[in-house]
Amino acid sequence: MLVVLAFILGACSASEPLPIPGAVGPLVTVETRGGECFAAPCGSTIVLERNGRVHSAAKPPNELGIVVGPQFAALAGVIGVTDFAALRSRPFTGQCPTAFDGQEIVFEFGTPGGVERIATCEVEVDYASPLFIAVANALGQWVPFPLS
């Protein structure tokens, strides 16, 4: 745990995005789906690229902003050390919110081993974990996160 904290704190001092060696594709993709909108089900997909660029997966213009410096470094650092199997070991046992006009959130993280997927209707997400705190800090202005 101390090594992880040292890695993250060291990464936080960087001013440029730090790549995860061997990883390709977006650093993080957050898809919200379900809910009740006027014409159809609600949803969006927000993508954080490895250069810090944040955009919507919707048709252009879809540029939202950029994540750099400590926020990007902290997120990239924690993705690199997260035990995704441990995160997925706590299955979601309730009724998916999409069954009653709520939303499901699907997170995809680009790692050297491939894409790691965490869906809130499949996994009991701990939003107080370092991974989800880093995601909320980096993308919170574009993606609504539960407070618990």
Foldseek 3Di string as FASTA:
>chain_A
DVVLVVQLVVLLQDFFQDAAPQWDDFQKKKKKWAADDDPDTDMWIWTQHSRQWIFTPDDPPTTDDGFGHRLNSNLNSCLAVDDLVVQLVAFDDDDPCNVPRGIKMWMWGTHNVGIRIDIVNTTVGDCPDSNNVSVCVSCVVPDPDDPD
